[in-house]
């Protein structure tokens, strides 16, 4: 039992070293990923700004499109009335 306990005591520093090494590697990988994440966020922001401009344009043009469609509908109704009368 004493030999087993001594083995565990000697294994702890190696396990701590392995854990510390994994922590350092993971931290370094996270630090290296920051520029990629920042670039992706810039792309997302740019896409959102473009979508916002497109939505603003569509909102501004929508009333004009509705007006033109109503005009087309009125002309078609007049044509329909003429053809039914003939």
C-alpha atoms as a PDB file:
ATOM      1  CA  UNK A   1       0.000   0.000   0.000  1.00  0.00           C
ATOM      2  CA  UNK A   2       2.846   2.356   0.763  1.00  0.00           C
ATOM      3  CA  UNK A   3       4.378   1.761  -2.653  1.00  0.00           C
ATOM      4  CA  UNK A   4       1.046   2.535  -4.295  1.00  0.00           C
ATOM      5  CA  UNK A   5       0.676   5.776  -2.357  1.00  0.00           C
ATOM      6  CA  UNK A   6       4.188   6.860  -3.307  1.00  0.00           C
ATOM      7  CA  UNK A   7       3.437   6.142  -6.966  1.00  0.00           C
ATOM      8  CA  UNK A   8       0.387   8.412  -6.824  1.00  0.00           C
ATOM      9  CA  UNK A   9       2.434  11.187  -5.225  1.00  0.00           C
ATOM     10  CA  UNK A  10       5.011  10.991  -7.983  1.00  0.00           C
ATOM     11  CA  UNK A  11       2.330  10.895 -10.685  1.00  0.00           C
ATOM     12  CA  UNK A  12       0.704  14.157  -9.576  1.00  0.00           C
ATOM     13  CA  UNK A  13       3.470  16.486 -10.841  1.00  0.00           C
ATOM     14  CA  UNK A  14       3.378  14.795 -14.257  1.00  0.00           C
ATOM     15  CA  UNK A  15      -0.401  15.106 -14.429  1.00  0.00           C
ATOM     16  CA  UNK A  16      -0.232  18.750 -13.407  1.00  0.00           C
ATOM     17  CA  UNK A  17       2.388  19.380 -16.069  1.00  0.00           C
ATOM     18  CA  UNK A  18       0.189  17.721 -18.699  1.00  0.00           C
ATOM     19  CA  UNK A  19      -2.831  19.768 -17.627  1.00  0.00           C
ATOM     20  CA  UNK A  20      -0.781  22.971 -17.597  1.00  0.00           C
ATOM     21  CA  UNK A  21       0.541  22.159 -21.070  1.00  0.00           C
ATOM     22  CA  UNK A  22      -3.005  21.595 -22.382  1.00  0.00           C
ATOM     23  CA  UNK A  23      -4.137  24.880 -20.831  1.00  0.00           C
ATOM     24  CA  UNK A  24      -1.249  26.770 -22.468  1.00  0.00           C
ATOM     25  CA  UNK A  25      -1.893  25.156 -25.858  1.00  0.00           C
ATOM     26  CA  UNK A  26      -5.630  25.863 -25.645  1.00  0.00           C
ATOM     27  CA  UNK A  27      -4.999  29.455 -24.608  1.00  0.00           C
ATOM     28  CA  UNK A  28      -2.564  29.953 -27.478  1.00  0.00           C
ATOM     29  CA  UNK A  29      -5.038  28.490 -29.978  1.00  0.00           C
ATOM     30  CA  UNK A  30      -7.729  30.820 -28.643  1.00  0.00           C
ATOM     31  CA  UNK A  31      -5.416  33.818 -28.982  1.00  0.00           C
ATOM     32  CA  UNK A  32      -4.567  32.818 -32.546  1.00  0.00           C
ATOM     33  CA  UNK A  33      -8.283  32.532 -33.359  1.00  0.00           C
ATOM     34  CA  UNK A  34      -9.071  36.110 -32.264  1.00  0.00           C
ATOM     35  CA  UNK A  35      -8.095  37.762 -35.591  1.00  0.00           C
ATOM     36  CA  UNK A  36     -10.205  35.233 -37.513  1.00  0.00           C
ATOM     37  CA  UNK A  37     -13.157  35.867 -35.227  1.00  0.00           C
ATOM     38  CA  UNK A  38     -12.705  39.627 -35.594  1.00  0.00           C
ATOM     39  CA  UNK A  39     -12.612  39.318 -39.395  1.00  0.00           C
ATOM     40  CA  UNK A  40     -15.772  37.199 -39.347  1.00  0.00           C
ATOM     41  CA  UNK A  41     -17.522  39.782 -37.146  1.00  0.00           C
ATOM     42  CA  UNK A  42     -16.491  42.540 -39.562  1.00  0.00           C
ATOM     43  CA  UNK A  43     -18.008  40.521 -42.407  1.00  0.00           C
ATOM     44  CA  UNK A  44     -21.214  40.067 -40.418  1.00  0.00           C
ATOM     45  CA  UNK A  45     -21.386  43.803 -39.637  1.00  0.00           C
ATOM     46  CA  UNK A  46     -20.810  44.645 -43.292  1.00  0.00           C
ATOM     47  CA  UNK A  47     -23.536  42.244 -44.363  1.00  0.00           C
ATOM     48  CA  UNK A  48     -25.946  43.692 -41.812  1.00  0.00           C
ATOM     49  CA  UNK A  49     -25.222  47.249 -42.984  1.00  0.00           C
ATOM     50  CA  UNK A  50     -25.789  46.209 -46.594  1.00  0.00           C
ATOM     51  CA  UNK A  51     -29.044  44.443 -45.634  1.00  0.00           C
ATOM     52  CA  UNK A  52     -30.176  47.544 -43.766  1.00  0.00           C
ATOM     53  CA  UNK A  53     -29.499  49.748 -46.802  1.00  0.00           C
ATOM     54  CA  UNK A  54     -31.343  47.288 -49.027  1.00  0.00           C
ATOM     55  CA  UNK A  55     -34.329  47.192 -46.655  1.00  0.00           C
ATOM     56  CA  UNK A  56     -34.396  50.993 -46.494  1.00  0.00           C
ATOM     57  CA  UNK A  57     -34.337  51.180 -50.288  1.00  0.00           C
ATOM     58  CA  UNK A  58     -37.112  48.585 -50.580  1.00  0.00           C
ATOM     59  CA  UNK A  59     -39.231  50.412 -47.999  1.00  0.00           C
ATOM     60  CA  UNK A  60     -38.797  53.634 -49.934  1.00  0.00           C
ATOM     61  CA  UNK A  61     -39.675  52.042 -53.268  1.00  0.00           C
ATOM     62  CA  UNK A  62     -42.572  49.915 -52.069  1.00  0.00           C
ATOM     63  CA  UNK A  63     -45.197  52.699 -52.115  1.00  0.00           C
ATOM     64  CA  UNK A  64     -44.221  53.562 -55.696  1.00  0.00           C
ATOM     65  CA  UNK A  65     -44.493  49.921 -56.756  1.00  0.00           C
ATOM     66  CA  UNK A  66     -47.924  49.637 -55.116  1.00  0.00           C
ATOM     67  CA  UNK A  67     -49.044  52.809 -56.899  1.00  0.00           C
ATOM     68  CA  UNK A  68     -47.862  51.473 -60.261  1.00  0.00           C
ATOM     69  CA  UNK A  69     -49.569  48.127 -59.684  1.00  0.00           C
ATOM     70  CA  UNK A  70     -52.818  49.913 -58.833  1.00  0.00           C
ATOM     71  CA  UNK A  71     -52.529  51.880 -62.075  1.00  0.00           C
ATOM     72  CA  UNK A  72     -51.986  48.670 -64.042  1.00  0.00           C
ATOM     73  CA  UNK A  73     -54.962  47.060 -62.310  1.00  0.00           C
ATOM     74  CA  UNK A  74     -57.176  50.051 -63.154  1.00  0.00           C
ATOM     75  CA  UNK A  75     -56.119  49.885 -66.822  1.00  0.00           C
ATOM     76  CA  UNK A  76     -56.775  46.149 -66.955  1.00  0.00           C
ATOM     77  CA  UNK A  77     -60.219  46.649 -65.430  1.00  0.00           C
ATOM     78  CA  UNK A  78     -61.014  49.281 -68.076  1.00  0.00           C
ATOM     79  CA  UNK A  79     -59.877  46.916 -70.818  1.00  0.00           C
ATOM     80  CA  UNK A  80     -61.968  44.122 -69.329  1.00  0.00           C
ATOM     81  CA  UNK A  81     -65.019  46.386 -69.210  1.00  0.00           C
ATOM     82  CA  UNK A  82     -64.498  47.387 -72.870  1.00  0.00           C
ATOM     83  CA  UNK A  83     -64.117  43.796 -74.035  1.00  0.00           C
ATOM     84  CA  UNK A  84     -67.232  42.700 -72.108  1.00  0.00           C
ATOM     85  CA  UNK A  85     -69.193  45.581 -73.650  1.00  0.00           C
ATOM     86  CA  UNK A  86     -68.149  44.616 -77.181  1.00  0.00           C
END
